[in-house]
Amino acid sequence: MLVTGGYICFVIACVFTIDEQSSPKERGFTFFLPVLIATVAFIQIAYKKGEKPQWQWGIKQNKKK
């Protein structure tokens, strides 16, 4: 939850760096590139630290009955 909140705050902060008078090249360096790098880092952290993926159909039932 902490990493997700930090990622969202970072993306919002990057939105405020966009200037209407900026050239498209400047927008790439001030918004798209940092957000792309942060997204890749976020996915890597989520993959390493998150729950293991598993297939589940319906509600999980206890096998110890």
Protein backbone atom coordinates (compact mmCIF):
# COMPACT_ATOMS: atom_id res chain seq x y z
CA MET A 1 0.00 0.00 0.00
CA LEU A 2 2.87 2.35 0.81
CA VAL A 3 4.58 1.72 -2.53
CA THR A 4 1.32 2.21 -4.43
CA GLY A 5 0.64 5.49 -2.64
CA GLY A 6 4.16 6.70 -3.35
CA TYR A 7 3.82 5.78 -7.01
CA ILE A 8 0.50 7.63 -7.34
CA CYS A 9 1.92 10.72 -5.59
CA PHE A 10 4.95 10.66 -7.89
CA VAL A 11 2.81 10.49 -11.03
CA ILE A 12 0.60 13.33 -9.78
CA ALA A 13 3.72 15.40 -9.03
CA CYS A 14 4.95 14.75 -12.57
CA VAL A 15 1.64 15.99 -13.97
CA PHE A 16 2.23 19.36 -12.32
CA THR A 17 5.61 19.70 -14.05
CA ILE A 18 3.99 19.84 -17.49
CA ASP A 19 3.96 23.33 -18.95
CA GLU A 20 1.68 24.31 -21.83
CA GLN A 21 4.52 26.17 -23.51
CA SER A 22 6.87 23.18 -23.34
CA SER A 23 7.92 21.51 -26.53
CA PRO A 24 7.00 17.85 -27.02
CA LYS A 25 10.64 16.92 -26.44
CA GLU A 26 10.63 18.68 -23.06
CA ARG A 27 7.39 16.93 -22.12
CA GLY A 28 9.04 13.62 -22.84
CA PHE A 29 11.87 14.34 -20.44
CA THR A 30 9.79 15.98 -17.71
CA PHE A 31 6.79 13.64 -17.71
CA PHE A 32 6.86 10.52 -19.87
CA LEU A 33 10.39 9.33 -19.13
CA PRO A 34 10.16 9.64 -15.31
CA VAL A 35 6.70 8.04 -15.27
CA LEU A 36 7.93 5.19 -17.47
CA ILE A 37 10.90 4.56 -15.19
CA ALA A 38 8.69 4.75 -12.08
CA THR A 39 6.18 2.34 -13.65
CA VAL A 40 8.88 -0.22 -14.44
CA ALA A 41 10.23 0.10 -10.88
CA PHE A 42 6.71 -0.22 -9.44
CA ILE A 43 6.02 -3.39 -11.43
CA GLN A 44 9.34 -4.91 -10.36
CA ILE A 45 8.67 -4.16 -6.68
CA ALA A 46 5.12 -5.52 -6.92
CA TYR A 47 6.37 -8.69 -8.61
CA LYS A 48 9.11 -9.29 -6.03
CA LYS A 49 7.20 -8.36 -2.87
CA GLY A 50 3.59 -9.09 -3.82
CA GLU A 51 1.50 -12.21 -3.43
CA LYS A 52 2.40 -15.21 -5.53
CA PRO A 53 0.11 -15.53 -8.56
CA GLN A 54 -2.24 -18.49 -8.43
CA TRP A 55 -5.32 -19.67 -10.23
CA GLN A 56 -8.45 -19.55 -8.10
CA TRP A 57 -11.99 -20.27 -9.15
CA GLY A 58 -14.58 -19.21 -6.61
CA ILE A 59 -14.06 -18.94 -2.86
CA LYS A 60 -10.98 -20.66 -1.47
CA GLN A 61 -11.87 -23.57 0.83
CA ASN A 62 -9.75 -25.04 3.62
CA LYS A 63 -8.40 -28.51 2.89
CA LYS A 64 -8.00 -29.32 6.61
CA LYS A 65 -11.47 -30.54 7.58
